[in-house]
N, C-alpha and C. Protein backbone atom coordinates (compact mmCIF):
# COMPACT_ATOMS: atom_id res chain seq x y z
N MET A 1 -8.69 -60.15 -22.01
CA MET A 1 -8.38 -59.26 -23.11
C MET A 1 -9.09 -57.76 -22.59
N LEU A 2 -10.00 -57.89 -22.28
CA LEU A 2 -10.81 -56.57 -21.97
C LEU A 2 -10.15 -55.83 -21.14
N ASN A 3 -10.14 -57.09 -19.67
CA ASN A 3 -9.16 -56.68 -18.33
C ASN A 3 -7.64 -55.77 -19.11
N LYS A 4 -7.04 -56.33 -19.59
CA LYS A 4 -5.95 -55.72 -20.19
C LYS A 4 -6.01 -54.35 -20.73
N VAL A 5 -7.24 -54.22 -21.98
CA VAL A 5 -7.21 -52.99 -22.52
C VAL A 5 -7.80 -51.79 -20.91
N CYS A 6 -8.52 -52.21 -20.46
CA CYS A 6 -8.94 -51.45 -19.14
C CYS A 6 -7.91 -51.08 -18.15
N TYR A 7 -6.82 -51.95 -17.99
CA TYR A 7 -5.39 -51.26 -16.89
C TYR A 7 -4.86 -50.88 -17.76
N ILE A 8 -4.47 -50.55 -19.06
CA ILE A 8 -3.81 -49.93 -19.97
C ILE A 8 -4.33 -48.37 -20.05
N LEU A 9 -5.98 -48.43 -20.36
CA LEU A 9 -6.98 -47.09 -20.24
C LEU A 9 -6.36 -46.57 -19.07
N PHE A 10 -6.73 -47.05 -17.76
CA PHE A 10 -6.76 -46.79 -16.40
C PHE A 10 -5.27 -46.29 -16.06
N PHE A 11 -3.90 -46.86 -16.89
CA PHE A 11 -2.91 -46.16 -16.61
C PHE A 11 -2.74 -44.90 -17.07
N ILE A 12 -3.03 -45.16 -18.41
CA ILE A 12 -2.71 -43.90 -19.66
C ILE A 12 -3.82 -42.73 -18.63
N PHE A 13 -4.96 -42.96 -18.02
CA PHE A 13 -5.50 -41.88 -17.62
C PHE A 13 -4.45 -41.20 -16.67
N LEU A 14 -4.43 -42.06 -15.48
CA LEU A 14 -3.59 -41.87 -14.20
C LEU A 14 -2.36 -40.71 -14.65
N CYS A 15 -1.21 -41.49 -15.67
CA CYS A 15 -0.49 -40.73 -16.54
C CYS A 15 -0.79 -39.35 -17.19
N CYS A 16 -1.73 -39.00 -17.79
CA CYS A 16 -2.20 -37.64 -18.12
C CYS A 16 -3.00 -36.88 -16.49
N CYS A 17 -3.57 -37.44 -15.63
CA CYS A 17 -3.68 -36.41 -14.38
C CYS A 17 -2.32 -36.28 -13.84
N ASN A 18 -1.70 -36.92 -13.85
CA ASN A 18 -0.06 -36.94 -12.86
C ASN A 18 0.40 -35.35 -13.71
N LYS A 19 0.52 -35.29 -15.06
CA LYS A 19 0.99 -33.94 -15.83
C LYS A 19 0.13 -32.55 -15.85
N ASN A 20 -1.25 -32.95 -15.18
CA ASN A 20 -1.94 -31.54 -14.93
C ASN A 20 -1.79 -30.98 -13.93
N VAL A 21 -1.43 -31.95 -12.97
CA VAL A 21 -1.10 -31.63 -11.43
C VAL A 21 0.07 -30.77 -11.06
N LYS A 22 -0.18 -29.48 -10.31
CA LYS A 22 1.06 -28.59 -10.31
C LYS A 22 2.08 -29.48 -9.32
N LYS A 23 3.01 -29.31 -8.90
CA LYS A 23 3.89 -29.76 -8.19
C LYS A 23 3.96 -28.60 -6.98
N PRO A 24 3.51 -29.21 -5.95
CA PRO A 24 3.53 -27.98 -4.65
C PRO A 24 4.93 -27.34 -4.20
N PHE A 25 4.99 -26.48 -3.35
CA PHE A 25 6.04 -25.82 -3.02
C PHE A 25 7.21 -26.86 -2.29
N VAL A 26 7.94 -26.72 -2.61
CA VAL A 26 9.13 -27.96 -2.43
C VAL A 26 9.62 -26.65 -0.92
N ARG A 27 9.35 -26.91 0.35
CA ARG A 27 9.92 -26.02 1.31
C ARG A 27 11.14 -26.28 1.78
N GLU A 28 11.94 -27.52 1.49
CA GLU A 28 13.12 -27.36 1.53
C GLU A 28 14.38 -26.70 0.71
N GLU A 29 13.87 -26.62 -0.48
CA GLU A 29 14.59 -25.53 -1.40
C GLU A 29 14.60 -24.61 -1.03
N LYS A 30 13.48 -24.12 -0.83
CA LYS A 30 13.48 -22.49 -0.53
C LYS A 30 14.39 -22.15 0.83
N GLU A 31 13.80 -23.30 1.79
CA GLU A 31 15.22 -22.84 3.17
C GLU A 31 16.73 -22.97 3.00
N LYS A 32 16.83 -23.52 2.08
CA LYS A 32 18.58 -23.38 1.85
C LYS A 32 18.87 -22.65 1.17
N ASP A 33 18.14 -22.04 0.32
CA ASP A 33 19.08 -20.30 -0.46
C ASP A 33 18.77 -19.33 0.79
N PRO A 34 19.99 -18.87 0.94
CA PRO A 34 20.06 -17.48 1.37
C PRO A 34 19.37 -16.43 1.73
N LEU A 35 18.95 -16.07 0.56
CA LEU A 35 17.83 -14.90 0.30
C LEU A 35 16.56 -14.97 0.87
N TYR A 36 16.01 -16.42 0.77
CA TYR A 36 14.76 -16.76 1.13
C TYR A 36 15.04 -17.26 3.04
N LEU A 37 16.22 -17.16 3.10
CA LEU A 37 16.25 -17.49 4.63
C LEU A 37 16.62 -16.32 5.17
N GLN A 38 16.61 -15.28 4.81
CA GLN A 38 16.48 -14.03 5.34
C GLN A 38 15.21 -13.39 5.08
N ILE A 39 14.55 -13.77 3.93
CA ILE A 39 13.38 -13.34 4.10
C ILE A 39 12.70 -14.05 5.36
N ASN A 40 12.60 -15.14 5.35
CA ASN A 40 11.72 -16.11 6.69
C ASN A 40 11.93 -15.74 7.80
N ASN A 41 13.80 -15.14 8.14
CA ASN A 41 13.52 -14.95 9.63
C ASN A 41 13.40 -13.60 9.51
N VAL A 42 13.03 -12.55 8.62
CA VAL A 42 12.40 -11.16 8.32
C VAL A 42 11.06 -10.97 9.20
N ILE A 43 10.43 -12.46 8.05
CA ILE A 43 8.84 -12.71 8.83
C ILE A 43 8.51 -13.01 9.90
N ASP A 44 9.27 -13.93 10.22
CA ASP A 44 9.18 -14.62 11.77
C ASP A 44 9.32 -13.15 12.58
N SER A 45 10.41 -12.52 12.48
CA SER A 45 10.88 -11.49 13.35
C SER A 45 9.54 -10.19 13.55
N MET A 46 8.87 -10.08 12.54
CA MET A 46 7.96 -9.09 12.11
C MET A 46 6.84 -9.48 12.89
N SER A 47 6.46 -10.99 12.87
CA SER A 47 5.21 -11.95 13.27
C SER A 47 5.38 -11.66 14.58
N THR A 48 6.89 -11.49 15.44
CA THR A 48 5.89 -11.79 16.81
C THR A 48 5.61 -10.42 17.48
N SER A 49 5.91 -9.37 16.62
CA SER A 49 5.49 -7.91 17.29
C SER A 49 3.85 -7.85 17.01
N PHE A 50 2.71 -8.81 16.47
CA PHE A 50 1.43 -8.73 16.74
C PHE A 50 1.22 -9.43 17.57
N PRO A 51 -0.01 -8.66 18.36
CA PRO A 51 -0.95 -9.53 18.95
C PRO A 51 -1.56 -10.82 18.67
N ARG A 52 -1.59 -11.72 19.15
CA ARG A 52 -1.96 -13.34 18.90
C ARG A 52 -3.46 -12.99 18.08
N GLU A 53 -4.20 -11.84 18.56
CA GLU A 53 -5.85 -11.63 17.96
C GLU A 53 -5.67 -10.96 16.82
N TYR A 54 -4.47 -10.00 16.53
CA TYR A 54 -4.43 -9.74 15.19
C TYR A 54 -3.06 -10.00 14.65
N SER A 55 -2.95 -11.46 13.95
CA SER A 55 -2.06 -11.57 13.35
C SER A 55 -2.03 -11.26 12.09
N VAL A 56 -1.19 -11.10 11.55
CA VAL A 56 -0.97 -10.97 10.03
C VAL A 56 -0.61 -12.07 9.30
N ASN A 57 -0.91 -12.96 8.15
CA ASN A 57 -1.41 -13.98 7.66
C ASN A 57 -0.63 -13.66 6.40
N VAL A 58 -0.40 -12.56 5.63
CA VAL A 58 0.38 -11.86 4.24
C VAL A 58 0.97 -11.18 4.36
N TYR A 59 2.32 -11.61 3.96
CA TYR A 59 3.25 -10.86 3.65
C TYR A 59 4.22 -10.71 2.06
N THR A 60 4.44 -9.34 1.74
CA THR A 60 4.41 -9.14 0.63
C THR A 60 6.07 -8.52 0.64
N VAL A 61 6.57 -9.49 -0.56
CA VAL A 61 8.32 -9.18 -0.73
C VAL A 61 8.44 -8.59 -2.03
N ALA A 62 8.86 -7.59 -2.46
CA ALA A 62 8.97 -6.73 -3.63
C ALA A 62 10.48 -6.52 -3.63
N HIS A 63 11.15 -6.89 -4.82
CA HIS A 63 12.31 -6.47 -5.46
C HIS A 63 12.53 -5.13 -5.77
N GLU A 64 13.50 -4.04 -5.76
CA GLU A 64 13.88 -2.97 -6.86
C GLU A 64 15.72 -3.28 -7.13
N LYS A 65 15.58 -2.58 -8.67
CA LYS A 65 17.15 -2.54 -8.60
C LYS A 65 17.29 -1.05 -8.97
N LYS A 66 18.07 -0.48 -7.80
CA LYS A 66 17.87 0.73 -8.07
C LYS A 66 19.90 1.35 -8.05
N HIS A 67 20.22 2.19 -8.58
CA HIS A 67 21.41 2.87 -8.32
C HIS A 67 22.97 1.32 -8.74
N GLY A 68 21.93 0.65 -9.08
CA GLY A 68 23.24 -0.46 -9.20
C GLY A 68 23.02 -1.81 -8.11
N ASN A 69 21.98 -1.61 -7.08
CA ASN A 69 21.82 -2.50 -6.07
C ASN A 69 20.92 -2.93 -5.94
N ASP A 70 20.51 -4.06 -5.34
CA ASP A 70 19.43 -4.90 -5.22
C ASP A 70 18.53 -4.80 -3.68
N TYR A 71 17.42 -4.09 -3.88
CA TYR A 71 16.70 -4.05 -2.44
C TYR A 71 15.20 -5.05 -2.21
N ILE A 72 15.21 -5.29 -1.34
CA ILE A 72 14.41 -5.77 -1.05
C ILE A 72 12.95 -5.21 0.04
N LYS A 73 12.13 -4.96 -0.12
CA LYS A 73 10.92 -5.09 0.71
C LYS A 73 9.79 -5.95 1.13
N ILE A 74 10.04 -6.10 2.58
CA ILE A 74 9.04 -7.31 3.34
C ILE A 74 8.03 -6.23 3.77
N ALA A 75 7.04 -6.51 3.52
CA ALA A 75 5.28 -5.76 4.29
C ALA A 75 4.42 -6.42 4.61
N THR A 76 3.97 -6.32 5.67
CA THR A 76 2.51 -6.80 5.92
C THR A 76 1.37 -6.48 5.10
N ALA A 77 0.39 -7.37 4.91
CA ALA A 77 -0.83 -7.00 3.61
C ALA A 77 -1.65 -7.33 4.17
N GLN A 78 -2.82 -6.49 3.79
CA GLN A 78 -4.27 -7.46 3.98
C GLN A 78 -4.52 -8.05 2.95
N PHE A 79 -4.24 -7.70 1.55
CA PHE A 79 -4.53 -8.26 0.26
C PHE A 79 -3.47 -7.85 -0.94
N TYR A 80 -3.49 -9.04 -1.45
CA TYR A 80 -2.45 -8.66 -2.72
C TYR A 80 -3.00 -8.73 -4.31
N ASN A 81 -2.11 -8.02 -5.10
CA ASN A 81 -2.66 -8.00 -6.29
C ASN A 81 -2.33 -8.59 -7.22
N LYS A 82 -3.35 -9.47 -7.83
CA LYS A 82 -3.15 -10.74 -8.25
C LYS A 82 -2.10 -10.52 -9.76
N ASP A 83 -2.52 -9.07 -10.37
CA ASP A 83 -1.86 -8.87 -11.72
C ASP A 83 -0.70 -9.23 -11.16
N SER A 84 0.31 -8.87 -10.53
CA SER A 84 1.87 -8.56 -10.02
C SER A 84 2.39 -9.87 -10.01
N VAL A 85 1.41 -11.03 -9.02
CA VAL A 85 1.99 -11.93 -8.44
C VAL A 85 3.22 -12.55 -9.13
N SER A 86 4.50 -12.70 -9.00
CA SER A 86 5.48 -13.79 -9.73
C SER A 86 5.32 -15.06 -9.05
N GLY A 87 5.05 -15.35 -7.77
CA GLY A 87 5.21 -16.18 -7.37
C GLY A 87 4.68 -16.21 -5.94
N SER A 88 4.42 -17.50 -4.72
CA SER A 88 4.06 -17.27 -3.70
C SER A 88 4.28 -18.91 -3.10
N TYR A 89 4.34 -18.55 -1.74
CA TYR A 89 5.01 -19.91 -0.87
C TYR A 89 4.53 -19.71 0.61
N LEU A 90 4.32 -20.62 0.96
CA LEU A 90 4.03 -20.76 2.85
C LEU A 90 4.93 -21.07 3.58
N HIS A 91 4.78 -19.73 4.57
CA HIS A 91 6.14 -20.28 5.90
C HIS A 91 5.54 -20.11 6.87
N ASN A 92 5.73 -21.38 8.07
CA ASN A 92 5.02 -20.85 9.50
C ASN A 92 3.49 -20.27 9.47
N GLY A 93 2.56 -20.90 8.35
CA GLY A 93 1.35 -20.66 8.45
C GLY A 93 1.20 -19.38 7.59
N LYS A 94 2.06 -18.37 7.19
CA LYS A 94 2.16 -17.18 6.70
C LYS A 94 2.23 -17.21 5.24
N THR A 95 1.53 -16.70 4.34
CA THR A 95 1.27 -16.75 2.93
C THR A 95 2.41 -15.49 2.23
N ILE A 96 3.27 -15.74 2.04
CA ILE A 96 4.37 -15.15 1.14
C ILE A 96 4.29 -14.59 0.05
N VAL A 97 4.06 -13.59 -0.84
CA VAL A 97 3.87 -13.61 -1.89
C VAL A 97 4.81 -12.49 -2.87
N LEU A 98 5.37 -12.90 -3.73
CA LEU A 98 6.46 -12.43 -4.53
C LEU A 98 6.08 -11.71 -5.57
N TYR A 99 6.85 -10.44 -5.46
CA TYR A 99 6.81 -9.65 -6.71
C TYR A 99 7.91 -9.22 -7.30
N SER A 100 8.36 -9.28 -8.49
CA SER A 100 9.62 -9.37 -9.44
C SER A 100 9.97 -10.77 -10.33
N LYS A 101 9.47 -11.19 -11.44
CA LYS A 101 9.46 -12.06 -12.12
C LYS A 101 11.03 -12.26 -12.36
N ASP A 102 11.83 -11.04 -12.64
CA ASP A 102 13.24 -10.94 -12.78
C ASP A 102 14.00 -11.57 -11.87
N PHE A 103 13.79 -10.96 -10.80
CA PHE A 103 14.64 -11.50 -9.89
C PHE A 103 14.53 -12.97 -8.90
N PHE A 104 13.01 -12.68 -8.70
CA PHE A 104 12.63 -14.30 -7.93
C PHE A 104 12.51 -15.42 -9.21
N LYS A 105 13.88 -15.46 -10.11
CA LYS A 105 13.97 -16.48 -11.43
C LYS A 105 13.49 -17.79 -11.05
N ASN A 106 14.00 -18.54 -9.58
CA ASN A 106 13.54 -20.01 -9.16
C ASN A 106 12.14 -20.06 -8.99
N ASN A 107 11.39 -19.15 -9.02
CA ASN A 107 9.82 -18.77 -8.41
C ASN A 107 8.91 -17.83 -8.79
N ASN A 108 8.86 -18.71 -10.52
CA ASN A 108 8.76 -17.72 -11.39
C ASN A 108 6.68 -18.32 -11.56
N LYS A 109 6.36 -19.23 -10.96
CA LYS A 109 5.46 -19.85 -10.73
C LYS A 109 4.59 -19.72 -9.71
N LYS A 110 3.25 -19.47 -9.45
CA LYS A 110 2.36 -19.47 -8.25
C LYS A 110 2.45 -20.44 -7.75
N HIS A 111 2.72 -21.15 -7.05
CA HIS A 111 2.90 -22.63 -5.87
C HIS A 111 1.74 -22.72 -5.35
N LEU A 112 1.11 -21.90 -4.85
CA LEU A 112 -0.07 -21.52 -3.95
C LEU A 112 -1.42 -21.14 -4.79
N LYS A 113 -2.52 -22.02 -4.47
CA LYS A 113 -3.67 -21.38 -5.21
C LYS A 113 -3.76 -20.05 -4.18
N LEU A 114 -3.90 -18.61 -4.09
CA LEU A 114 -4.28 -17.69 -3.59
C LEU A 114 -5.70 -17.47 -2.89
N ASP A 115 -6.01 -17.18 -2.02
CA ASP A 115 -7.47 -17.20 -1.52
C ASP A 115 -7.73 -15.95 -1.74
N ASN A 116 -9.07 -16.09 -2.65
CA ASN A 116 -9.74 -15.30 -3.29
C ASN A 116 -10.02 -13.56 -2.47
N ALA A 117 -10.06 -14.44 -0.89
CA ALA A 117 -10.75 -13.46 -0.12
C ALA A 117 -9.47 -11.96 0.44
N LEU A 118 -8.37 -12.88 0.03
CA LEU A 118 -6.81 -12.06 0.30
C LEU A 118 -6.87 -11.35 -0.92
N LYS A 119 -7.33 -11.32 -2.35
CA LYS A 119 -7.25 -10.53 -3.37
C LYS A 119 -8.25 -9.27 -3.43
N TYR A 120 -7.06 -8.12 -3.83
CA TYR A 120 -7.55 -6.66 -3.74
C TYR A 120 -8.61 -6.52 -4.65
N GLU A 121 -9.82 -5.98 -4.57
CA GLU A 121 -10.81 -5.65 -5.41
C GLU A 121 -11.22 -4.16 -5.45
N ASN A 122 -11.43 -3.71 -6.61
CA ASN A 122 -11.19 -1.99 -6.67
C ASN A 122 -12.10 -1.67 -5.69
N LYS A 123 -13.40 -1.88 -5.29
CA LYS A 123 -14.64 -1.67 -4.26
C LYS A 123 -13.87 -1.90 -2.88
N THR A 124 -12.76 -2.39 -2.62
CA THR A 124 -12.59 -2.64 -1.34
C THR A 124 -11.90 -1.34 -0.79
N ILE A 125 -12.39 -1.11 0.64
CA ILE A 125 -12.10 0.16 1.18
C ILE A 125 -11.37 -0.49 2.39
N SER A 126 -10.12 -0.28 2.92
CA SER A 126 -9.51 -0.54 3.98
C SER A 126 -8.72 0.26 4.83
N LEU A 127 -8.77 0.58 6.35
CA LEU A 127 -8.11 1.28 6.78
C LEU A 127 -6.74 0.29 7.45
N TYR A 128 -6.48 -0.72 6.93
CA TYR A 128 -5.31 -0.98 7.34
C TYR A 128 -3.72 -0.33 7.00
N HIS A 129 -3.07 -0.28 7.89
CA HIS A 129 -2.00 0.03 8.34
C HIS A 129 -0.70 -0.73 8.36
N PRO A 130 -0.29 -0.78 6.76
CA PRO A 130 1.13 -1.98 6.59
C PRO A 130 2.43 -1.25 7.69
N GLN A 131 3.27 -2.47 7.67
CA GLN A 131 4.56 -1.87 8.47
C GLN A 131 5.15 -2.86 7.42
N TYR A 132 6.62 -2.54 7.12
CA TYR A 132 7.46 -2.91 6.37
C TYR A 132 9.02 -2.83 6.78
N THR A 133 9.91 -3.49 6.24
CA THR A 133 11.22 -3.36 5.74
C THR A 133 11.91 -3.83 5.05
N ILE A 134 13.11 -2.82 4.91
CA ILE A 134 14.20 -2.88 3.69
C ILE A 134 15.28 -2.89 3.84
N PHE A 135 15.72 -4.26 2.99
CA PHE A 135 17.36 -4.39 3.15
C PHE A 135 18.09 -4.44 1.70
N GLU A 136 19.22 -4.08 1.71
CA GLU A 136 20.09 -3.88 0.61
C GLU A 136 21.00 -5.15 0.48
N ILE A 137 20.93 -6.04 -0.67
CA ILE A 137 21.81 -7.36 -0.78
C ILE A 137 23.16 -6.42 -1.45
N ILE A 138 24.24 -7.26 -0.91
CA ILE A 138 25.69 -6.56 -1.34
C ILE A 138 26.31 -7.46 -0.93
N ASN A 139 26.58 -8.17 -2.19
CA ASN A 139 27.93 -9.58 -1.92
C ASN A 139 27.20 -10.44 -1.65
N GLY A 140 26.23 -11.04 -1.59
CA GLY A 140 25.78 -11.93 -0.50
C GLY A 140 25.30 -11.73 0.98
N THR A 141 25.43 -10.44 1.52
CA THR A 141 25.00 -10.01 2.96
C THR A 141 23.95 -9.19 2.47
N TYR A 142 23.27 -9.07 3.75
CA TYR A 142 22.15 -8.19 3.89
C TYR A 142 22.17 -6.90 5.10
N LYS A 143 21.60 -5.90 4.55
CA LYS A 143 22.25 -4.65 5.22
C LYS A 143 20.47 -3.74 5.26
N ASN A 144 20.43 -3.92 6.51
CA ASN A 144 19.03 -3.11 7.13
C ASN A 144 19.03 -1.78 6.40
N ILE A 145 18.12 -1.31 5.46
CA ILE A 145 17.90 0.04 5.59
C ILE A 145 16.96 0.96 6.04
N SER A 146 17.34 2.20 7.08
CA SER A 146 16.55 3.01 7.45
C SER A 146 15.84 2.95 7.11
N ILE A 147 14.01 3.91 7.47
CA ILE A 147 13.02 4.17 6.66
C ILE A 147 13.56 5.17 6.13
N GLU A 148 14.00 5.99 6.85
CA GLU A 148 14.51 7.62 6.21
C GLU A 148 15.49 7.17 5.28
N GLU A 149 15.95 6.46 5.23
CA GLU A 149 17.11 6.14 4.17
C GLU A 149 16.29 5.65 2.97
N GLY A 150 14.96 5.02 3.10
CA GLY A 150 14.96 4.48 2.33
C GLY A 150 14.04 5.60 1.49
N ILE A 151 13.26 6.29 2.29
CA ILE A 151 12.75 7.69 1.58
C ILE A 151 13.46 8.48 1.06
N LYS A 152 14.34 8.57 1.65
CA LYS A 152 15.58 9.67 0.83
C LYS A 152 15.91 9.01 -0.49
N MET A 153 16.41 7.99 -0.52
CA MET A 153 16.51 6.92 -1.97
C MET A 153 15.68 6.83 -2.74
N ASN A 154 14.24 7.17 -2.01
CA ASN A 154 13.30 7.30 -3.04
C ASN A 154 12.91 5.64 -3.58
N LEU A 155 13.14 4.56 -2.59
CA LEU A 155 13.39 3.17 -2.37
C LEU A 155 11.39 2.78 -2.96
N PHE A 156 11.10 2.24 -4.00
CA PHE A 156 9.75 1.42 -3.67
C PHE A 156 8.42 2.56 -3.62
N ASN A 157 8.78 3.51 -4.71
CA ASN A 157 7.95 4.78 -4.66
C ASN A 157 7.39 4.24 -5.97
N TYR A 158 6.38 4.35 -6.58
CA TYR A 158 5.73 4.23 -7.56
C TYR A 158 4.89 5.19 -8.04
N SER A 159 5.51 6.03 -8.37
CA SER A 159 4.76 7.17 -9.18
C SER A 159 3.12 7.00 -9.94
N ASP A 160 2.80 6.05 -9.89
CA ASP A 160 1.33 5.65 -10.83
C ASP A 160 0.53 5.27 -9.23
N ARG A 161 0.76 5.43 -8.40
CA ARG A 161 -0.03 4.86 -7.23
C ARG A 161 0.42 5.58 -5.89
N TYR A 162 -0.41 6.13 -5.36
CA TYR A 162 0.08 6.45 -3.66
C TYR A 162 -0.55 5.94 -2.75
N ILE A 163 0.28 5.18 -1.96
CA ILE A 163 -0.60 4.45 -0.48
C ILE A 163 -0.06 4.92 0.10
N PRO A 164 -0.47 5.78 1.06
CA PRO A 164 0.27 6.27 2.15
C PRO A 164 0.50 4.90 3.47
N GLU A 165 2.00 5.05 3.76
CA GLU A 165 2.28 3.63 4.67
C GLU A 165 2.90 4.54 5.54
N SER A 166 2.60 3.94 6.76
CA SER A 166 3.13 4.44 8.10
C SER A 166 4.10 4.12 8.48
N ILE A 167 4.66 4.85 9.27
CA ILE A 167 6.24 3.92 9.47
C ILE A 167 6.52 3.81 10.95
N PRO A 168 6.91 2.41 10.81
CA PRO A 168 7.12 1.33 11.81
C PRO A 168 7.42 1.97 13.07
N ALA A 169 6.77 1.54 14.27
CA ALA A 169 7.61 2.16 15.69
C ALA A 169 8.65 1.18 15.65
N ASN A 170 9.76 1.34 16.06
CA ASN A 170 11.05 1.00 16.45
C ASN A 170 10.42 0.58 17.90
C-alpha cells in the first residue's frame, strides 16, 4: 500500500515538473518558415565576412512597418536590450534576438535563456561597430534595401536614442 502511494506521489511530482519546463526551440519549425530561412541565410552570409578570431555571436532582428510595407533589419550586436526582446533562437551557434512582438507572432516567448554577459547595462562602454542589412518584404519575396535608401526612407531611426552605426563596406 505504501509503495503504491509513493509511486502515485512520484508520478504526480513528475507531471508537475514537466509543466514548468519551458519547451526548447524547435529548430525545424523555424527552418521551414520562409522568413526565418531568409533571416538565417542573411546571418550566414554576414558571418562569413568576419575573421574567425573576431567572430560575431549575437545578431538582432528588428521589424518596422513604414509606408504600408514591412522592413526587416538584421544587425550584428555585442549586446542585446533585454527589455525589448520578443524572442530568440540559435542558428549555427549564433544567438538570434528578435524585436517586434506584433510581427514575430509565433516567437513571442523567449526560447533561450539569454546569456547575462550579452545583456546591455547602463555602465557598459563599447567601441563596437555594428554592421547591418535591411530588406523589404513584398508579397512573400525579399528585396534588399541599400543603406542609402534606408537612410532616405528614415528606416529604423529611433528618435529617442542615437547610436551611430557605421555603413558596412561592400
